[in-house]
Amino acid sequence: MSVSGEVQASEESLPHRLTSKTSFLSLKLYVVIGILLVCAVAVFLAIFLCVWFSRNSRKRKMRVKHSSGMIPLVSKEIVEIKALGRDVNPEKVEVKIGNEDLKEAELEVGVKGGNRSGESDVSGGSRSDASVDPENIGWGRWYSLKELEIATRGFAEENVIGEGGYGVVYRGVLPDGSVVAVKNLLNNKGQAEREFKVEVEAIGKVRHKNLVGLVGYCAEGAQRMLVYEYVDNGNLEQWLHGDVGPFSPLTWDIRMKIAIGTAKGLAYLHEGLEPKVVHRDVKSSNILLDRKWNPKVSDFGLAKLLGSEASYVTTRVMGTFGYVSPEYASTGMLNEGSDVYSFGVLLMEIITGRSPIDYSRPAGEMNLVDWFKGMVASRRGEELVDSLIEVQPPPRALKRALLVCLRCIDLDAGKRPKMGQIVHMLEADDFPFRSELRAAREKDPNPSRADVSTRITHSSNNGGGGEIERSRWR
């Protein structure tokens, strides 16, 4: 009895079961298990490779040729601040636009009057709903959906030049041969409708060499599309953070050219329009570049119109994490100073080549603003310059740029400079420094009448307050 029990136990043991034959092709059990494991691994690898190849092929299709090579791509995404889950509407702020008074806190947005909040992305409109009457917009050219389908070859994937939470941007060629960028807005809970009205009504008439021009629009059924001039050299984020090789094509002079051009575009929005426009989403990916490295500020989907008599407007907090000013993030009170702060972060990004928030860096370097201020306070400003810049900037030019950064991110929004002042500060190389002026006076204590008249003319052409501001930075 005990012998038969031992035999039965040995037959039920794991080694015996593994070596026993199965009904599947008379193979042993351990062979069948091995085959199943190999098949599972193969399927997993196949799925992984398919996903990897599809992503790579998509990236290759999205690359654009440039005289200096391929536009580098940036795969990372920056988290956007959509709302902070707090009541950021403590009071009703009245904004006068044209001949109409809008109560910001009472304005309903969204299709069919839904989503009651303190936000009004339809800042230039007079209706509480976000419906669009294309015949009454009056800016740019009206394109039919069929025209844009032909221009983009049926919105083909190979014509995709950008995409994000807002929608997809396609490269298109119009019948007259002109190249355009067609932004197909995703209709996410009425967001497409709101963004459409903001961009058409806020910047439809704006024309500036440092702002992307709106060519036209399309509104058929639920489709909302915006047609822009085509800028063919990618965006600043790609050139700062993409794979550009051992040295970046963005030299110091080119970077300052981009910074100054961006500042001029924002200065026009803040100081050259009535009502003024607050962009609200100034960041490197929204700075497009042409082949001569001229910048063009784009993506006005979050822009706000602000009447001249109103210093602030209360809104829901929207923007990109790392660029949003502290006072706007905490209170929702928005004015042009919020754009100035974002520009300061952008200028830091241009100088250092670092992202505003980078969790891959050591703890003390994750937040660009905090690290930047600490380095300047420690008199280590030279170490802030992007290592990919082959020729280091002159010390005075670097010092001036660092000081502009610090003034832009001042925690007291009232102490931040205006964008027009920032342009003068960054262009200060055009003017001699104090020491040079003093040396000239010592050499020629009695300047000729022609020299005096030239100096007066030069000063008046650049504004009375600019000379005082420039002297402060020398």
Protein backbone atom coordinates (compact mmCIF):
# COMPACT_ATOMS: atom_id res chain seq x y z
CA MET A 1 0.00 0.00 0.00
CA SER A 2 2.78 2.40 0.88
CA VAL A 3 4.66 1.60 -2.32
CA SER A 4 1.64 2.41 -4.51
CA GLY A 5 1.14 5.65 -2.58
CA GLU A 6 4.74 6.66 -3.22
CA VAL A 7 4.34 5.90 -6.92
CA GLN A 8 1.17 7.99 -7.07
CA ALA A 9 2.84 10.88 -5.25
CA SER A 10 5.81 10.78 -7.58
CA GLU A 11 3.49 10.89 -10.57
CA GLU A 12 1.73 14.00 -9.14
CA SER A 13 4.98 15.84 -8.40
CA LEU A 14 5.86 18.99 -10.37
CA PRO A 15 8.87 17.56 -12.23
CA HIS A 16 6.81 14.57 -13.32
CA ARG A 17 3.99 16.80 -14.55
CA LEU A 18 6.38 19.02 -16.50
CA THR A 19 7.99 16.05 -18.21
CA SER A 20 4.69 14.29 -18.96
CA LYS A 21 3.37 14.38 -22.50
CA THR A 22 0.36 16.52 -23.43
CA SER A 23 -2.33 16.16 -26.05
CA PHE A 24 -0.81 19.09 -28.00
CA LEU A 25 1.35 17.39 -30.64
CA SER A 26 2.43 14.91 -27.94
CA LEU A 27 4.81 17.55 -26.62
CA LYS A 28 5.92 17.60 -23.02
CA LEU A 29 4.31 20.15 -20.75
CA TYR A 30 7.45 22.22 -20.15
CA VAL A 31 7.92 22.51 -23.92
CA VAL A 32 4.34 23.77 -24.35
CA ILE A 33 4.83 26.32 -21.55
CA GLY A 34 8.07 27.49 -23.15
CA ILE A 35 6.37 27.93 -26.53
CA LEU A 36 3.57 29.97 -24.92
CA LEU A 37 6.07 32.22 -23.14
CA VAL A 38 8.04 32.80 -26.35
CA CYS A 39 4.83 33.64 -28.21
CA ALA A 40 3.78 36.10 -25.49
CA VAL A 41 7.17 37.84 -25.58
CA ALA A 42 7.08 37.97 -29.38
CA VAL A 43 3.62 39.53 -29.39
CA PHE A 44 4.72 42.12 -26.83
CA LEU A 45 7.81 42.99 -28.86
CA ALA A 46 5.78 43.23 -32.05
CA ILE A 47 3.34 45.67 -30.45
CA PHE A 48 6.21 47.71 -29.00
CA LEU A 49 8.03 47.88 -32.34
CA CYS A 50 4.85 48.85 -34.20
CA VAL A 51 4.22 51.73 -31.78
CA TRP A 52 7.86 52.81 -31.93
CA PHE A 53 8.03 52.72 -35.74
CA SER A 54 4.73 54.58 -36.11
CA ARG A 55 5.97 57.35 -33.80
CA ASN A 56 9.28 57.62 -35.61
CA SER A 57 7.62 57.70 -39.00
CA ARG A 58 5.28 60.41 -37.77
CA LYS A 59 8.25 62.44 -36.55
CA ARG A 60 10.05 62.02 -39.86
CA LYS A 61 6.99 63.26 -41.71
CA MET A 62 6.80 66.31 -39.47
CA ARG A 63 10.41 67.38 -40.06
CA VAL A 64 10.89 70.45 -42.21
CA LYS A 65 13.93 71.14 -44.38
CA HIS A 66 16.08 74.17 -43.60
CA SER A 67 19.29 75.52 -45.04
CA SER A 68 21.10 74.61 -41.82
CA GLY A 69 19.70 71.09 -41.70
CA MET A 70 16.58 69.49 -40.27
CA ILE A 71 14.39 71.25 -37.75
CA PRO A 72 14.94 69.39 -34.45
CA LEU A 73 11.88 67.91 -32.83
CA VAL A 74 10.99 68.06 -29.17
CA SER A 75 9.08 65.05 -27.89
CA LYS A 76 8.45 66.33 -24.38
CA GLU A 77 5.22 68.08 -23.47
CA ILE A 78 4.76 70.83 -20.91
CA VAL A 79 1.78 70.50 -18.60
CA GLU A 80 -0.74 73.27 -19.10
CA ILE A 81 -2.55 75.04 -16.29
CA LYS A 82 -6.24 74.98 -17.16
CA ALA A 83 -7.77 75.82 -13.76
CA LEU A 84 -6.62 75.74 -10.16
CA GLY A 85 -9.92 74.64 -8.69
CA ARG A 86 -10.36 77.84 -6.67
CA ASP A 87 -12.65 80.84 -6.90
CA VAL A 88 -10.49 83.37 -8.71
CA ASN A 89 -13.34 85.79 -9.28
CA PRO A 90 -13.60 87.81 -6.04
CA GLU A 91 -15.19 90.80 -7.73
CA LYS A 92 -16.80 91.84 -10.97
CA VAL A 93 -14.44 93.73 -13.21
CA GLU A 94 -15.98 95.86 -15.91
CA VAL A 95 -14.14 96.06 -19.20
CA LYS A 96 -15.17 98.54 -21.86
CA ILE A 97 -14.48 97.38 -25.39
CA GLY A 98 -15.54 99.70 -28.15
CA ASN A 99 -19.02 100.99 -27.33
CA GLU A 100 -20.04 98.05 -25.18
CA ASP A 101 -19.58 97.28 -21.49
CA LEU A 102 -18.87 93.65 -20.65
CA LYS A 103 -19.15 92.35 -17.11
CA GLU A 104 -16.40 89.77 -17.07
CA ALA A 105 -17.78 87.88 -14.09
CA GLU A 106 -21.24 87.59 -15.59
CA LEU A 107 -20.31 86.67 -19.14
CA GLU A 108 -21.29 83.14 -20.11
CA VAL A 109 -19.05 81.21 -22.40
CA GLY A 110 -19.39 77.95 -24.23
CA VAL A 111 -21.86 76.81 -26.82
CA LYS A 112 -25.54 77.49 -26.00
CA GLY A 113 -24.61 79.56 -22.93
CA GLY A 114 -23.11 76.75 -20.87
CA ASN A 115 -20.14 76.78 -18.49
CA ARG A 116 -20.81 79.82 -16.35
CA SER A 117 -17.51 81.10 -14.99
CA GLY A 118 -15.35 84.17 -14.60
CA GLU A 119 -13.62 83.46 -17.89
CA SER A 120 -14.39 85.14 -21.16
CA ASP A 121 -12.33 83.89 -24.03
CA VAL A 122 -14.74 85.75 -26.30
CA SER A 123 -13.34 89.04 -25.13
CA GLY A 124 -14.03 90.98 -28.27
CA GLY A 125 -17.65 89.89 -28.74
CA SER A 126 -20.86 91.31 -27.43
CA ARG A 127 -22.94 88.16 -27.24
CA SER A 128 -23.04 85.86 -24.23
CA ASP A 129 -23.06 82.75 -26.37
CA ALA A 130 -20.16 81.67 -28.56
CA SER A 131 -22.08 81.12 -31.78
CA VAL A 132 -20.39 82.47 -34.88
CA ASP A 133 -21.99 84.33 -37.73
CA PRO A 134 -19.31 84.07 -40.42
CA GLU A 135 -20.86 86.81 -42.52
CA ASN A 136 -20.44 89.33 -39.71
CA ILE A 137 -16.84 88.62 -38.72
CA GLY A 138 -15.42 90.77 -41.47
CA TRP A 139 -11.70 90.00 -41.04
CA GLY A 140 -9.56 87.91 -43.33
CA ARG A 141 -10.89 85.74 -46.10
CA TRP A 142 -13.70 83.25 -45.72
CA TYR A 143 -12.62 79.73 -46.82
CA SER A 144 -14.96 76.85 -47.41
CA LEU A 145 -14.21 73.47 -45.90
CA LYS A 146 -13.79 72.06 -49.42
CA GLU A 147 -11.10 74.65 -50.25
CA LEU A 148 -9.08 73.78 -47.17
CA GLU A 149 -9.48 70.05 -47.82
CA ILE A 150 -7.99 70.54 -51.29
CA ALA A 151 -5.21 72.77 -49.94
CA THR A 152 -4.15 70.16 -47.36
CA ARG A 153 -4.81 67.16 -49.65
CA GLY A 154 -7.67 65.94 -47.51
CA PHE A 155 -5.92 66.86 -44.26
CA ALA A 156 -3.30 64.23 -45.04
CA GLU A 157 -1.09 63.01 -42.23
CA GLU A 158 2.07 63.88 -44.13
CA ASN A 159 1.00 67.54 -44.07
CA VAL A 160 0.77 67.69 -40.28
CA ILE A 161 3.25 70.28 -38.98
CA GLY A 162 2.07 70.50 -35.38
CA GLU A 163 -0.49 69.22 -32.93
CA GLY A 164 -1.51 69.61 -29.32
CA GLY A 165 -4.48 70.01 -27.02
CA TYR A 166 -5.89 72.78 -29.24
CA GLY A 167 -6.04 70.66 -32.40
CA VAL A 168 -3.89 69.86 -35.42
CA VAL A 169 -2.01 72.23 -37.75
CA TYR A 170 -1.61 71.30 -41.43
CA ARG A 171 0.54 72.72 -44.17
CA GLY A 172 -1.61 73.79 -47.10
CA VAL A 173 -1.09 75.19 -50.58
CA LEU A 174 -3.79 77.51 -51.91
CA PRO A 175 -4.74 77.65 -55.62
CA ASP A 176 -2.62 80.79 -56.09
CA GLY A 177 0.44 78.85 -54.87
CA SER A 178 0.75 80.57 -51.48
CA VAL A 179 1.60 78.31 -48.54
CA VAL A 180 -0.48 78.55 -45.38
CA ALA A 181 -0.85 76.83 -42.02
CA VAL A 182 -4.35 75.54 -41.34
CA LYS A 183 -5.25 75.02 -37.68
CA ASN A 184 -8.14 72.61 -37.25
CA LEU A 185 -9.51 73.30 -33.77
CA LEU A 186 -10.70 70.39 -31.66
CA ASN A 187 -14.22 71.05 -30.43
CA ASN A 188 -13.62 70.08 -26.80
CA LYS A 189 -16.64 71.27 -24.81
CA GLY A 190 -16.93 74.43 -26.88
CA GLN A 191 -13.22 75.31 -26.61
CA ALA A 192 -12.85 75.38 -30.40
CA GLU A 193 -15.70 77.89 -30.65
CA ARG A 194 -14.18 80.14 -27.99
CA GLU A 195 -10.64 79.97 -29.38
CA PHE A 196 -11.96 80.64 -32.87
CA LYS A 197 -13.70 83.84 -31.81
CA VAL A 198 -10.75 85.01 -29.70
CA GLU A 199 -8.21 84.67 -32.50
CA VAL A 200 -10.46 86.09 -35.22
CA GLU A 201 -11.76 89.01 -33.16
CA ALA A 202 -8.58 89.81 -31.20
CA ILE A 203 -5.94 89.61 -33.94
CA GLY A 204 -7.95 89.53 -37.15
CA LYS A 205 -6.90 93.09 -37.99
CA VAL A 206 -3.43 92.97 -36.39
CA ARG A 207 -0.49 93.26 -38.76
CA HIS A 208 3.05 93.27 -37.36
CA LYS A 209 6.26 91.68 -38.62
CA ASN A 210 6.72 89.86 -35.29
CA LEU A 211 3.16 88.51 -35.06
CA VAL A 212 1.85 85.62 -37.13
CA GLY A 213 -0.73 86.97 -39.55
CA LEU A 214 -4.24 85.55 -39.70
CA VAL A 215 -5.08 85.00 -43.38
CA GLY A 216 -8.60 83.69 -43.01
CA TYR A 217 -10.93 81.24 -41.36
CA CYS A 218 -13.54 78.55 -41.91
CA ALA A 219 -16.71 77.88 -39.92
CA GLU A 220 -18.98 75.21 -41.38
CA GLY A 221 -21.19 73.20 -39.10
CA ALA A 222 -19.13 72.14 -36.10
CA GLN A 223 -15.82 72.72 -37.93
CA ARG A 224 -13.72 75.69 -36.84
CA MET A 225 -10.45 76.37 -38.67
CA LEU A 226 -7.98 79.23 -38.74
CA VAL A 227 -5.68 79.94 -41.69
CA TYR A 228 -2.32 81.59 -40.92
CA GLU A 229 0.69 82.68 -42.88
CA TYR A 230 3.16 79.79 -43.07
CA VAL A 231 6.41 80.15 -41.10
CA ASP A 232 8.78 77.47 -42.35
CA ASN A 233 11.55 77.11 -39.77
CA GLY A 234 9.85 75.52 -36.81
CA ASN A 235 9.53 77.09 -33.39
CA LEU A 236 11.98 78.30 -30.77
CA GLU A 237 11.35 75.34 -28.46
CA GLN A 238 12.53 72.91 -31.13
CA TRP A 239 15.78 74.81 -31.72
CA LEU A 240 16.51 75.28 -28.02
CA HIS A 241 15.69 71.78 -26.79
CA GLY A 242 15.92 69.56 -29.85
CA ASP A 243 18.95 67.60 -31.03
CA VAL A 244 21.00 70.26 -32.84
CA GLY A 245 24.42 68.61 -32.52
CA PRO A 246 27.49 69.75 -30.55
CA PHE A 247 26.80 73.44 -31.21
CA SER A 248 23.49 75.22 -31.63
CA PRO A 249 22.87 77.26 -34.80
CA LEU A 250 21.32 79.79 -32.41
CA THR A 251 24.32 81.99 -31.69
CA TRP A 252 24.15 84.64 -28.98
CA ASP A 253 23.37 87.34 -31.55
CA ILE A 254 20.61 85.24 -33.10
CA ARG A 255 19.11 84.55 -29.66
CA MET A 256 19.08 88.25 -28.83
CA LYS A 257 17.52 88.96 -32.23
CA ILE A 258 14.76 86.49 -31.39
CA ALA A 259 14.28 87.99 -27.92
CA ILE A 260 14.10 91.55 -29.22
CA GLY A 261 11.69 90.63 -32.03
CA THR A 262 9.43 88.80 -29.58
CA ALA A 263 9.50 91.79 -27.23
CA LYS A 264 8.55 94.10 -30.12
CA GLY A 265 5.59 91.89 -31.03
CA LEU A 266 4.33 91.86 -27.43
CA ALA A 267 4.95 95.60 -27.08
CA TYR A 268 2.69 96.14 -30.10
CA LEU A 269 -0.05 94.03 -28.50
CA HIS A 270 0.25 95.88 -25.19
CA GLU A 271 0.96 99.43 -26.30
CA GLY A 272 0.02 99.73 -29.98
CA LEU A 273 -3.57 98.49 -29.91
CA GLU A 274 -6.80 99.72 -28.36
CA PRO A 275 -8.07 97.73 -26.59
CA LYS A 276 -4.72 96.20 -25.74
CA VAL A 277 -4.22 92.46 -26.06
CA VAL A 278 -2.70 90.29 -23.31
CA HIS A 279 -1.37 87.14 -24.97
CA ARG A 280 -1.48 85.00 -21.78
CA ASP A 281 0.51 82.08 -23.22
CA VAL A 282 3.98 83.42 -24.05
CA LYS A 283 6.33 80.42 -24.35
CA SER A 284 9.05 79.08 -26.64
CA SER A 285 6.75 76.77 -28.61
CA ASN A 286 4.60 79.78 -29.54
CA ILE A 287 7.54 81.68 -31.05
CA LEU A 288 7.78 80.67 -34.71
CA LEU A 289 10.96 81.34 -36.71
CA ASP A 290 11.54 82.06 -40.37
CA ARG A 291 14.69 81.20 -42.30
CA LYS A 292 16.38 84.45 -41.26
CA TRP A 293 15.61 83.68 -37.59
CA ASN A 294 12.99 86.42 -37.37
CA PRO A 295 10.50 85.54 -34.60
CA LYS A 296 6.73 85.63 -34.94
CA VAL A 297 4.50 85.32 -31.88
CA SER A 298 1.68 82.86 -32.53
CA ASP A 299 -1.27 81.09 -30.90
CA PHE A 300 -3.61 83.72 -29.52
CA GLY A 301 -6.20 81.18 -28.40
CA LEU A 302 -5.92 82.31 -24.77
CA ALA A 303 -5.57 86.04 -25.50
CA LYS A 304 -7.60 88.64 -23.64
CA LEU A 305 -8.64 92.14 -24.64
CA LEU A 306 -8.15 94.74 -21.92
CA GLY A 307 -9.68 98.22 -22.09
CA SER A 308 -7.41 101.21 -21.52
CA GLU A 309 -9.20 102.25 -18.33
CA ALA A 310 -8.93 98.79 -16.74
CA SER A 311 -5.64 97.83 -15.14
CA TYR A 312 -6.65 94.22 -14.45
CA VAL A 313 -9.25 91.72 -15.56
CA THR A 314 -10.34 88.67 -13.57
CA THR A 315 -10.15 85.34 -15.42
CA ARG A 316 -9.73 81.63 -14.92
CA VAL A 317 -6.04 80.78 -14.69
CA MET A 318 -4.86 79.41 -18.01
CA GLY A 319 -1.39 79.13 -19.43
CA THR A 320 1.64 76.87 -19.41
CA PHE A 321 3.24 75.60 -16.21
CA GLY A 322 6.55 77.35 -15.57
CA TYR A 323 5.68 80.52 -17.48
CA VAL A 324 2.68 81.76 -15.49
CA SER A 325 3.29 84.73 -13.17
CA PRO A 326 2.78 84.11 -9.43
CA GLU A 327 0.11 86.79 -8.92
CA TYR A 328 -1.94 85.52 -11.87
CA ALA A 329 -1.65 81.91 -10.72
CA SER A 330 -2.79 82.78 -7.17
CA THR A 331 -5.49 85.39 -7.80
CA GLY A 332 -6.51 85.18 -11.46
CA MET A 333 -5.93 88.92 -11.83
CA LEU A 334 -4.48 89.44 -15.30
CA ASN A 335 -2.79 92.37 -17.02
CA GLU A 336 0.14 92.92 -19.36
CA GLY A 337 2.54 92.40 -16.44
CA SER A 338 1.66 88.71 -16.66
CA ASP A 339 3.04 88.62 -20.21
CA VAL A 340 6.16 90.47 -19.01
CA TYR A 341 6.82 87.77 -16.42
CA SER A 342 6.36 85.04 -19.04
CA PHE A 343 8.75 86.90 -21.34
CA GLY A 344 11.30 87.01 -18.54
CA VAL A 345 11.11 83.22 -18.20
CA LEU A 346 11.35 82.91 -21.98
CA LEU A 347 14.48 85.10 -22.00
CA MET A 348 16.02 82.88 -19.31
CA GLU A 349 15.22 79.89 -21.50
CA ILE A 350 16.88 81.57 -24.49
CA ILE A 351 20.04 82.36 -22.48
CA THR A 352 20.40 79.02 -20.70
CA GLY A 353 18.88 76.57 -23.18
CA ARG A 354 16.95 75.05 -20.25
CA SER A 355 13.23 74.39 -19.92
CA PRO A 356 11.27 76.36 -17.29
CA ILE A 357 10.52 73.13 -15.46
CA ASP A 358 12.81 70.11 -15.90
CA TYR A 359 12.33 67.22 -13.48
CA SER A 360 15.33 65.37 -14.91
CA ARG A 361 17.71 67.86 -13.29
CA PRO A 362 18.94 67.92 -9.66
CA ALA A 363 16.54 69.20 -7.03
CA GLY A 364 17.98 72.71 -6.94
CA GLU A 365 17.86 73.09 -10.73
CA MET A 366 14.39 71.80 -11.61
CA ASN A 367 12.78 75.26 -11.47
CA LEU A 368 14.57 77.56 -13.93
CA VAL A 369 13.56 80.81 -12.21
CA ASP A 370 14.79 79.76 -8.75
CA TRP A 371 18.05 78.33 -10.11
CA PHE A 372 18.63 81.38 -12.29
CA LYS A 373 18.19 83.84 -9.41
CA GLY A 374 20.49 81.77 -7.19
CA MET A 375 23.24 81.70 -9.82
CA VAL A 376 23.07 85.46 -10.38
CA ALA A 377 23.12 86.11 -6.63
CA SER A 378 26.24 83.92 -6.38
CA ARG A 379 27.92 85.96 -9.16
CA ARG A 380 28.02 82.94 -11.44
CA GLY A 381 26.22 84.57 -14.35
CA GLU A 382 28.75 83.28 -16.92
CA GLU A 383 27.79 79.71 -16.04
CA LEU A 384 24.18 80.38 -17.04
CA VAL A 385 24.97 80.63 -20.75
CA ASP A 386 23.92 77.62 -22.84
CA SER A 387 26.92 75.35 -23.38
CA LEU A 388 25.78 74.83 -26.99
CA ILE A 389 26.66 78.45 -27.81
CA GLU A 390 30.06 78.19 -29.48
CA VAL A 391 31.12 81.83 -29.03
CA GLN A 392 30.36 83.23 -25.58
CA PRO A 393 28.63 86.64 -25.37
CA PRO A 394 30.46 89.85 -24.37
CA PRO A 395 30.31 90.33 -20.56
CA ARG A 396 28.33 93.57 -20.77
CA ALA A 397 25.77 92.10 -23.16
CA LEU A 398 25.32 89.10 -20.87
CA LYS A 399 24.99 91.28 -17.79
CA ARG A 400 22.35 93.41 -19.49
CA ALA A 401 20.32 90.36 -20.53
CA LEU A 402 20.52 88.86 -17.01
CA LEU A 403 19.31 92.11 -15.46
CA VAL A 404 16.39 92.29 -17.90
CA CYS A 405 15.41 88.77 -16.83
CA LEU A 406 15.47 89.70 -13.15
CA ARG A 407 13.40 92.83 -13.70
CA CYS A 408 10.79 90.93 -15.72
CA ILE A 409 10.24 88.33 -12.99
CA ASP A 410 10.03 90.84 -10.13
CA LEU A 411 7.44 89.54 -7.65
CA ASP A 412 6.00 93.04 -7.48
CA ALA A 413 4.18 93.24 -10.81
CA GLY A 414 4.13 97.04 -10.60
CA LYS A 415 7.92 97.17 -10.72
CA ARG A 416 8.22 95.14 -13.90
CA PRO A 417 9.14 97.14 -17.00
CA LYS A 418 6.79 97.61 -19.94
CA MET A 419 7.54 95.63 -23.07
CA GLY A 420 8.55 98.82 -24.88
CA GLN A 421 11.12 99.52 -22.17
CA ILE A 422 12.40 95.96 -22.47
CA VAL A 423 13.01 96.51 -26.18
CA HIS A 424 15.14 99.57 -25.38
CA MET A 425 17.06 97.66 -22.70
CA LEU A 426 17.89 94.75 -24.97
CA GLU A 427 18.89 97.10 -27.80
CA ALA A 428 21.19 99.12 -25.54
CA ASP A 429 24.24 97.90 -27.48
CA ASP A 430 23.38 100.53 -30.06
CA PHE A 431 24.36 103.21 -27.56
CA PRO A 432 27.74 103.96 -25.91
CA PHE A 433 28.31 103.16 -22.25
CA ARG A 434 28.93 105.83 -19.64
CA SER A 435 32.69 105.26 -19.63
CA GLU A 436 32.79 105.80 -23.40
CA LEU A 437 30.76 109.00 -23.11
CA ARG A 438 33.03 110.27 -20.37
CA ALA A 439 36.15 109.52 -22.43
CA ALA A 440 34.65 111.35 -25.41
CA ARG A 441 33.85 114.40 -23.28
CA GLU A 442 37.37 114.44 -21.82
CA LYS A 443 38.84 114.25 -25.31
CA ASP A 444 36.60 116.98 -26.72
CA PRO A 445 35.18 119.11 -23.87
CA ASN A 446 33.57 121.54 -26.35
CA PRO A 447 31.55 119.50 -28.82
CA SER A 448 30.60 121.10 -32.08
CA ARG A 449 27.09 122.35 -32.75
CA ALA A 450 26.63 119.55 -35.29
CA ASP A 451 27.46 116.90 -32.66
CA VAL A 452 24.96 118.42 -30.24
CA SER A 453 22.19 118.56 -32.84
CA THR A 454 22.88 114.97 -33.90
CA ARG A 455 22.71 113.81 -30.29
CA ILE A 456 19.43 115.64 -29.69
CA THR A 457 17.87 114.21 -32.86
CA HIS A 458 18.99 110.71 -31.95
CA SER A 459 17.51 111.02 -28.46
CA SER A 460 14.17 112.37 -29.66
CA ASN A 461 13.80 109.57 -32.20
CA ASN A 462 14.07 106.99 -29.45
CA GLY A 463 11.72 108.58 -26.97
CA GLY A 464 12.40 110.89 -24.04
CA GLY A 465 12.25 108.28 -21.32
CA GLY A 466 14.36 105.71 -23.13
CA GLU A 467 17.67 107.50 -22.47
CA ILE A 468 17.03 107.57 -18.73
CA GLU A 469 16.11 103.90 -18.78
CA ARG A 470 19.20 102.98 -20.81
CA SER A 471 21.56 104.85 -18.51
CA ARG A 472 20.32 102.82 -15.60
CA TRP A 473 21.58 99.65 -17.26
CA ARG A 474 25.15 100.74 -17.93
